[in-house]
């Protein structure tokens, strides 16, 4: 079968990956919502729930750091299956412990074990997509997986919150077990080429962290993601709520509309990349540059045109811009990293950015205290434009075409 002439929706191995990721996303969301609610119920403290998120970030950092050294020592697909099955086993153990009504501390220990596994699983899945489908189908495949994750996230938090009111914690954990089982079952049906499936790094090579800092294109992408991580803080619920109240002088309903519109825009962006994937891949560098610039311009308009309905519209328009930039940079990353090292370098990048993402919230909150919300949002808009300028200044970024396999030149 010639994959390049076959729709990804007729490729059994991609369908297995897509289905596995869908059940995986549902399992993680149900578990996170139920754990957060359970901790809040037992501690009756917002700090208790916040500490769960803080420790999860620490686990992501530790997992990313270890993954950068060890992931590429194992066959990629086999490792992914082991990680998936491990989470199913851990969820069964968690369900058993909940049934026995043990202390929440034991449940949290298992939850942090999930987080450590997830910090390896994410980079492995990221590297696997390009091995399951051909180059022409990569953007469509990546955007379709992103789309389903966004749909689950958008609907899941609301539905999950309702479920926790009417369904017991024990039942939700067993639902999670079922999702992980289905994810593992589909994962076992994925096949890649023999060469790709057995990719391991047995030779003495530069460590993934060293590669991250010493390879110009990978270092540039990491810096770009770090700058955008700082800017992206403004789209967190707490910042948006303050902006809605102080700058827009609107009620909480508009805060909800703006939150929803941002997710709607992201979903529309993923759909656009999926439907026009060939055009996007052929003009990838140009669209990545325009996407980054569009985010900056729209954010500045969002800041200085404080009209609630306009803000909702601008958030919807940001979605395609952000998705074009995000998926384009991912494709450039894939195109410039040895397949053997993709998963481990991705884990190294996550290890660097995870603690930074925690710091960004503190930095932007401090700026808001020193100045005001308008200044903070304007600063974020400028950061997006700085990212666009960084991309534009490198001809390799602008001229890159995933279809033509034009790797970026440092």
Protein backbone atom coordinates (compact mmCIF):
# COMPACT_ATOMS: atom_id res chain seq x y z
CA UNK A 1 0.00 0.00 0.00
CA UNK A 2 1.32 3.44 -0.93
CA UNK A 3 0.67 5.58 2.13
CA UNK A 4 1.27 8.85 0.28
CA UNK A 5 -1.83 8.19 -1.89
CA UNK A 6 -3.98 6.94 0.98
CA UNK A 7 -5.94 9.16 3.36
CA UNK A 8 -4.73 8.95 6.93
CA UNK A 9 -8.29 7.94 7.86
CA UNK A 10 -7.76 4.75 5.87
CA UNK A 11 -4.41 3.92 7.43
CA UNK A 12 -5.01 1.38 10.17
CA UNK A 13 -1.83 2.19 12.07
CA UNK A 14 -2.63 5.88 12.23
CA UNK A 15 -6.23 5.17 13.26
CA UNK A 16 -4.87 2.99 16.07
CA UNK A 17 -2.57 5.84 17.18
CA UNK A 18 -5.38 8.41 16.91
CA UNK A 19 -7.79 6.26 18.91
CA UNK A 20 -5.16 5.44 21.52
CA UNK A 21 -4.39 9.13 22.01
CA UNK A 22 -8.10 9.98 22.28
CA UNK A 23 -8.69 7.47 25.09
CA UNK A 24 -5.41 8.52 26.70
CA UNK A 25 -6.52 12.18 26.75
CA UNK A 26 -9.90 11.25 28.26
CA UNK A 27 -8.28 9.08 30.93
CA UNK A 28 -5.82 11.79 31.98
CA UNK A 29 -8.51 14.47 32.11
CA UNK A 30 -10.96 12.39 34.19
CA UNK A 31 -8.16 11.45 36.57
CA UNK A 32 -6.90 15.00 36.98
CA UNK A 33 -10.36 16.48 37.58
CA UNK A 34 -11.34 13.78 40.08
CA UNK A 35 -8.01 14.00 41.95
CA UNK A 36 -8.22 17.79 42.21
CA UNK A 37 -11.78 17.68 43.52
CA UNK A 38 -10.95 14.89 45.99
CA UNK A 39 -7.97 16.79 47.39
CA UNK A 40 -10.05 19.96 47.74
CA UNK A 41 -12.82 18.04 49.53
CA UNK A 42 -10.39 16.50 52.01
CA UNK A 43 -8.26 19.59 52.66
CA UNK A 44 -10.97 22.24 52.14
CA UNK A 45 -8.14 24.39 50.87
CA UNK A 46 -7.30 25.97 47.53
CA UNK A 47 -3.65 25.70 48.56
CA UNK A 48 -4.04 21.93 48.77
CA UNK A 49 -5.26 21.73 45.17
CA UNK A 50 -2.57 24.17 44.03
CA UNK A 51 0.13 22.07 45.68
CA UNK A 52 -0.98 19.09 43.58
CA UNK A 53 -0.30 21.12 40.43
CA UNK A 54 3.03 22.38 41.77
CA UNK A 55 4.27 18.86 42.58
CA UNK A 56 3.05 17.68 39.19
CA UNK A 57 5.28 20.31 37.57
CA UNK A 58 8.22 19.02 39.61
CA UNK A 59 7.50 15.47 38.41
CA UNK A 60 7.37 16.73 34.81
CA UNK A 61 10.79 18.29 35.28
CA UNK A 62 12.31 15.14 36.81
CA UNK A 63 10.71 12.94 34.16
CA UNK A 64 11.87 15.17 31.31
CA UNK A 65 15.41 15.27 32.70
CA UNK A 66 15.68 11.48 33.06
CA UNK A 67 13.93 10.93 29.75
CA UNK A 68 16.47 13.09 27.93
CA UNK A 69 19.17 10.59 28.97
CA UNK A 70 17.39 7.25 28.76
CA UNK A 71 14.48 7.34 26.27
CA UNK A 72 16.61 6.74 23.19
CA UNK A 73 18.20 3.66 24.78
CA UNK A 74 15.00 1.68 24.10
CA UNK A 75 13.04 0.78 20.95
CA UNK A 76 10.53 3.63 20.64
CA UNK A 77 7.32 1.72 19.94
CA UNK A 78 8.06 -0.95 22.54
CA UNK A 79 8.76 1.73 25.15
CA UNK A 80 5.51 3.51 24.32
CA UNK A 81 3.56 0.29 24.83
CA UNK A 82 5.26 -0.41 28.15
CA UNK A 83 4.46 3.11 29.37
CA UNK A 84 0.84 2.79 28.29
CA UNK A 85 0.37 -0.57 29.98
CA UNK A 86 2.11 0.71 33.12
CA UNK A 87 -0.46 3.46 33.45
CA UNK A 88 -3.28 0.93 33.11
CA UNK A 89 -1.75 -1.19 35.88
CA UNK A 90 -1.27 1.87 38.11
CA UNK A 91 -4.88 2.94 37.54
CA UNK A 92 -6.08 -0.54 38.58
CA UNK A 93 -3.96 -0.30 41.73
CA UNK A 94 -5.37 3.17 42.40
CA UNK A 95 -8.93 1.93 41.94
CA UNK A 96 -8.25 -0.91 44.38
CA UNK A 97 -6.79 1.47 46.97
CA UNK A 98 -9.76 3.83 46.64
CA UNK A 99 -12.10 0.87 47.15
CA UNK A 100 -10.14 0.04 50.33
CA UNK A 101 -10.61 3.68 51.43
CA UNK A 102 -6.92 4.33 52.09
CA UNK A 103 -5.39 7.74 52.79
CA UNK A 104 -5.37 10.26 49.95
CA UNK A 105 -1.58 10.40 50.26
CA UNK A 106 -1.25 6.93 48.70
CA UNK A 107 -3.51 8.01 45.84
CA UNK A 108 -1.37 11.10 45.26
CA UNK A 109 1.83 9.03 45.19
CA UNK A 110 0.30 6.95 42.38
CA UNK A 111 -0.88 10.12 40.64
CA UNK A 112 2.65 11.52 40.64
CA UNK A 113 3.86 8.20 39.25
CA UNK A 114 1.40 8.76 36.39
CA UNK A 115 2.93 12.19 35.85
CA UNK A 116 6.45 10.77 35.68
CA UNK A 117 5.33 8.22 33.11
CA UNK A 118 3.49 10.91 31.14
CA UNK A 119 6.69 12.98 30.93
CA UNK A 120 8.22 10.08 28.98
CA UNK A 121 5.05 9.13 27.11
CA UNK A 122 4.52 12.58 25.54
CA UNK A 123 7.93 12.83 23.79
CA UNK A 124 7.64 9.20 22.62
CA UNK A 125 4.24 9.82 21.07
CA UNK A 126 5.51 13.07 19.52
CA UNK A 127 8.38 11.21 17.85
CA UNK A 128 6.17 8.31 16.77
CA UNK A 129 3.74 10.34 14.64
CA UNK A 130 6.35 11.00 11.95
CA UNK A 131 7.17 7.27 11.86
CA UNK A 132 3.58 6.07 11.47
CA UNK A 133 2.63 8.36 8.55
CA UNK A 134 4.60 9.67 5.59
CA UNK A 135 5.89 13.24 5.24
CA UNK A 136 2.92 14.46 3.19
CA UNK A 137 0.49 13.29 5.88
CA UNK A 138 2.40 14.52 8.93
CA UNK A 139 0.64 17.89 9.35
CA UNK A 140 -2.80 16.36 8.86
CA UNK A 141 -2.00 13.60 11.35
CA UNK A 142 -0.54 15.97 13.95
CA UNK A 143 -3.39 18.47 13.67
CA UNK A 144 -6.05 15.75 13.93
CA UNK A 145 -4.53 14.45 17.18
CA UNK A 146 -4.21 18.01 18.50
CA UNK A 147 -7.83 18.67 17.52
CA UNK A 148 -9.24 15.73 19.45
CA UNK A 149 -7.14 16.67 22.51
CA UNK A 150 -8.50 20.22 22.38
CA UNK A 151 -12.08 19.02 22.00
CA UNK A 152 -11.68 16.70 24.97
CA UNK A 153 -10.07 19.47 27.04
CA UNK A 154 -12.73 22.03 26.10
CA UNK A 155 -15.67 19.80 26.93
CA UNK A 156 -13.93 17.64 29.51
CA UNK A 157 -13.34 20.17 32.29
CA UNK A 158 -16.98 21.17 32.31
CA UNK A 159 -18.29 17.62 32.03
CA UNK A 160 -15.69 16.37 34.51
CA UNK A 161 -16.77 18.94 37.06
CA UNK A 162 -20.39 17.83 36.73
CA UNK A 163 -19.43 14.14 36.97
CA UNK A 164 -17.59 14.70 40.25
CA UNK A 165 -20.87 16.00 41.72
CA UNK A 166 -22.93 12.94 40.79
CA UNK A 167 -20.43 10.08 40.37
CA UNK A 168 -18.27 8.70 43.15
CA UNK A 169 -14.49 9.14 43.15
CA UNK A 170 -14.08 5.35 43.04
CA UNK A 171 -16.28 5.03 39.94
CA UNK A 172 -14.35 7.79 38.14
CA UNK A 173 -11.05 6.02 38.82
CA UNK A 174 -12.44 2.80 37.34
CA UNK A 175 -13.65 4.76 34.31
CA UNK A 176 -10.06 5.97 33.96
CA UNK A 177 -8.90 2.33 34.09
CA UNK A 178 -11.24 1.51 31.21
CA UNK A 179 -9.91 4.40 29.11
CA UNK A 180 -6.29 3.37 29.74
CA UNK A 181 -7.13 -0.24 28.84
CA UNK A 182 -8.66 0.83 25.51
CA UNK A 183 -5.69 3.12 24.86
CA UNK A 184 -3.26 0.25 25.49
CA UNK A 185 -5.29 -2.11 23.33
CA UNK A 186 -5.20 0.26 20.36
CA UNK A 187 -1.55 1.10 21.01
CA UNK A 188 -0.66 -2.57 20.55
CA UNK A 189 -2.07 -2.41 17.01
CA UNK A 190 0.32 0.34 15.86
CA UNK A 191 3.04 -0.75 13.45
CA UNK A 192 5.91 1.18 11.93
CA UNK A 193 8.72 0.14 9.61
CA UNK A 194 11.21 -2.33 11.04
CA UNK A 195 14.00 0.23 10.85
CA UNK A 196 12.02 2.87 12.71
CA UNK A 197 10.58 0.47 15.28
CA UNK A 198 13.97 -0.70 16.42
CA UNK A 199 15.59 2.72 16.54
CA UNK A 200 17.85 2.90 19.56
CA UNK A 201 20.94 4.92 20.30
CA UNK A 202 23.74 2.53 21.15
CA UNK A 203 26.64 4.68 20.02
CA UNK A 204 28.42 7.21 22.17
CA UNK A 205 26.64 10.45 21.31
CA UNK A 206 26.29 13.94 22.65
CA UNK A 207 23.68 14.04 25.42
CA UNK A 208 20.24 15.34 24.50
CA UNK A 209 20.62 18.33 26.84
CA UNK A 210 23.92 19.25 25.17
CA UNK A 211 22.27 18.89 21.77
CA UNK A 212 19.44 21.14 22.92
CA UNK A 213 21.83 23.96 23.86
CA UNK A 214 24.49 23.55 21.17
CA UNK A 215 22.42 22.94 18.01
CA UNK A 216 21.40 26.41 16.74
CA UNK A 217 18.00 25.53 15.29
CA UNK A 218 16.90 23.45 18.29
CA UNK A 219 18.19 26.11 20.69
CA UNK A 220 16.29 28.79 18.77
CA UNK A 221 13.04 26.82 18.91
CA UNK A 222 13.51 26.33 22.67
CA UNK A 223 14.11 30.07 23.19
CA UNK A 224 11.03 30.86 21.09
CA UNK A 225 8.90 28.50 23.16
CA UNK A 226 10.32 30.00 26.35
CA UNK A 227 9.41 33.54 25.27
CA UNK A 228 5.96 32.44 24.21
CA UNK A 229 5.57 30.60 27.51
CA UNK A 230 6.04 33.95 29.24
CA UNK A 231 3.51 35.61 26.95
CA UNK A 232 1.01 32.76 27.20
CA UNK A 233 0.53 33.38 30.93
CA UNK A 234 -1.95 36.12 30.05
CA UNK A 235 -4.38 33.49 28.76
CA UNK A 236 -4.56 31.69 32.11
CA UNK A 237 -7.94 31.89 33.83
CA UNK A 238 -6.72 34.11 36.68
CA UNK A 239 -5.22 36.75 34.36
CA UNK A 240 -8.22 36.71 32.03
CA UNK A 241 -10.61 37.13 34.95
CA UNK A 242 -8.69 40.16 36.21
CA UNK A 243 -8.46 41.64 32.69
CA UNK A 244 -12.20 41.16 32.17
CA UNK A 245 -13.03 42.87 35.46
CA UNK A 246 -10.45 45.68 35.45
CA UNK A 247 -9.89 46.52 31.76
CA UNK A 248 -13.08 45.40 30.03
CA UNK A 249 -15.15 46.28 33.11
CA UNK A 250 -17.41 43.35 32.25
CA UNK A 251 -19.00 40.68 34.43
CA UNK A 252 -17.88 37.07 34.84
CA UNK A 253 -20.09 35.91 31.98
CA UNK A 254 -17.76 37.62 29.51
CA UNK A 255 -14.81 35.97 31.21
CA UNK A 256 -16.44 32.64 30.41
CA UNK A 257 -17.10 33.68 26.81
CA UNK A 258 -13.48 34.76 26.32
CA UNK A 259 -12.20 31.49 27.79
CA UNK A 260 -14.48 29.50 25.52
CA UNK A 261 -13.62 31.58 22.44
CA UNK A 262 -9.90 30.94 22.90
CA UNK A 263 -10.52 27.18 22.84
CA UNK A 264 -12.89 27.53 19.87
CA UNK A 265 -10.20 29.43 17.99
CA UNK A 266 -7.64 26.73 18.76
CA UNK A 267 -10.03 24.05 17.50
CA UNK A 268 -10.70 26.02 14.30
CA UNK A 269 -6.95 26.45 13.84
CA UNK A 270 -6.35 22.71 14.10
CA UNK A 271 -9.17 22.07 11.61
CA UNK A 272 -7.67 24.55 9.14
CA UNK A 273 -4.22 22.97 9.35
CA UNK A 274 -5.77 19.52 8.94
CA UNK A 275 -7.93 20.45 5.93
CA UNK A 276 -5.25 22.54 4.17
CA UNK A 277 -2.30 20.47 5.36
CA UNK A 278 -0.63 20.22 1.93
CA UNK A 279 -0.72 23.99 1.37
CA UNK A 280 0.52 24.56 4.90
CA UNK A 281 3.45 22.15 4.50
CA UNK A 282 4.45 23.71 1.18
CA UNK A 283 4.44 27.26 2.62
CA UNK A 284 5.25 26.30 6.18
CA UNK A 285 7.97 28.88 6.88
CA UNK A 286 5.85 31.78 5.63
CA UNK A 287 2.78 30.70 7.57
CA UNK A 288 4.78 30.15 10.77
CA UNK A 289 6.11 33.71 10.51
CA UNK A 290 2.66 35.15 9.76
CA UNK A 291 1.11 33.09 12.57
CA UNK A 292 3.57 34.46 15.14
CA UNK A 293 3.08 38.03 13.88
CA UNK A 294 -0.69 37.58 13.87
CA UNK A 295 -0.64 36.55 17.52
CA UNK A 296 1.26 39.72 18.41
CA UNK A 297 -1.03 42.06 16.47
CA UNK A 298 -4.23 40.44 17.72
CA UNK A 299 -2.98 40.51 21.33
CA UNK A 300 -2.21 44.23 21.07
CA UNK A 301 -5.68 44.84 19.62
CA UNK A 302 -7.14 42.77 22.46
CA UNK A 303 -5.26 45.01 24.90
CA UNK A 304 -6.11 48.43 23.48
CA UNK A 305 -9.65 47.82 22.20
CA UNK A 306 -11.39 47.03 25.53
CA UNK A 307 -14.77 46.04 24.11
CA UNK A 308 -15.98 42.66 25.34
CA UNK A 309 -17.58 41.36 22.09
CA UNK A 310 -14.49 42.44 20.14
CA UNK A 311 -12.28 40.61 22.64
CA UNK A 312 -14.23 37.38 22.04
CA UNK A 313 -13.83 37.75 18.27
CA UNK A 314 -10.09 38.47 18.57
CA UNK A 315 -9.58 35.35 20.71
CA UNK A 316 -11.26 33.22 18.06
CA UNK A 317 -8.97 34.71 15.38
CA UNK A 318 -5.90 33.94 17.49
CA UNK A 319 -6.54 30.21 17.27
CA UNK A 320 -5.47 29.69 13.63
CA UNK A 321 -2.44 31.96 14.15
CA UNK A 322 -1.22 30.03 17.16
CA UNK A 323 -1.83 26.61 15.64
CA UNK A 324 0.02 27.57 12.44
CA UNK A 325 3.02 28.66 14.47
CA UNK A 326 2.91 25.75 16.90
CA UNK A 327 2.57 22.95 14.36
CA UNK A 328 5.01 24.59 11.96
CA UNK A 329 7.74 24.78 14.60
CA UNK A 330 7.05 21.16 15.55
CA UNK A 331 7.52 20.09 11.94
CA UNK A 332 10.76 22.09 11.69
CA UNK A 333 11.93 20.43 14.92
CA UNK A 334 11.13 16.97 13.50
CA UNK A 335 12.91 17.83 10.26
CA UNK A 336 16.14 18.83 11.99
CA UNK A 337 16.54 16.11 14.60
CA UNK A 338 17.87 12.62 14.03
CA UNK A 339 14.94 10.16 14.38
CA UNK A 340 16.98 8.29 17.00
CA UNK A 341 17.13 11.41 19.21
CA UNK A 342 13.69 12.97 18.65
CA UNK A 343 12.03 11.61 21.76
CA UNK A 344 14.95 12.25 24.11
CA UNK A 345 15.59 15.79 22.83
CA UNK A 346 11.87 16.54 23.12
CA UNK A 347 12.04 15.29 26.74
CA UNK A 348 15.09 17.50 27.35
CA UNK A 349 13.21 20.51 25.99
CA UNK A 350 10.28 19.72 28.28
CA UNK A 351 12.66 19.43 31.25
CA UNK A 352 14.01 22.92 30.54
CA UNK A 353 10.63 24.52 29.89
CA UNK A 354 8.65 22.89 32.76
CA UNK A 355 10.31 24.86 35.60
CA UNK A 356 10.41 27.95 33.39
CA UNK A 357 6.63 27.76 32.93
CA UNK A 358 6.24 27.87 36.71
CA UNK A 359 8.54 30.90 36.90
CA UNK A 360 6.66 32.76 34.15
CA UNK A 361 3.49 32.91 36.26
CA UNK A 362 5.45 34.53 39.10
CA UNK A 363 7.18 37.00 36.77
CA UNK A 364 4.00 38.13 35.03
CA UNK A 365 2.11 38.34 38.34
CA UNK A 366 4.89 40.53 39.75
CA UNK A 367 4.74 42.75 36.66
CA UNK A 368 0.99 43.09 37.10
CA UNK A 369 1.53 44.18 40.72
CA UNK A 370 4.15 46.77 39.71
CA UNK A 371 2.23 48.15 36.73
CA UNK A 372 -1.27 47.20 35.55
CA UNK A 373 -3.05 44.58 33.42
CA UNK A 374 -2.93 46.70 30.28
CA UNK A 375 0.86 46.91 30.50
CA UNK A 376 1.14 43.15 31.06
CA UNK A 377 -1.02 42.30 28.04
CA UNK A 378 0.81 44.84 25.87
CA UNK A 379 4.13 43.32 26.95
CA UNK A 380 2.86 39.86 25.94
CA UNK A 381 1.82 41.21 22.54
CA UNK A 382 5.32 42.63 22.03
CA UNK A 383 6.84 39.27 23.00
CA UNK A 384 4.81 37.56 20.28
CA UNK A 385 6.12 40.12 17.77
CA UNK A 386 9.68 39.49 19.00
CA UNK A 387 9.15 35.80 18.26
CA UNK A 388 7.90 36.66 14.78
CA UNK A 389 11.00 38.81 14.22
CA UNK A 390 13.28 35.97 15.37
CA UNK A 391 11.64 33.64 12.86
CA UNK A 392 11.74 36.22 10.08
CA UNK A 393 15.42 37.02 10.62
CA UNK A 394 16.41 33.44 9.82
CA UNK A 395 15.98 32.67 6.11
CA UNK A 396 15.94 28.96 6.88
CA UNK A 397 12.75 29.38 8.88
CA UNK A 398 11.03 31.50 6.24
CA UNK A 399 11.93 29.24 3.33
CA UNK A 400 11.37 25.89 5.02
CA UNK A 401 9.00 23.50 3.28
CA UNK A 402 8.19 20.20 4.94
CA UNK A 403 7.10 18.65 1.63
CA UNK A 404 10.41 19.53 -0.03
CA UNK A 405 12.37 18.33 3.01
CA UNK A 406 14.26 21.60 3.30
CA UNK A 407 15.87 21.39 6.72
CA UNK A 408 16.50 24.72 8.39
CA UNK A 409 20.01 26.02 8.15
CA UNK A 410 21.45 27.46 11.30
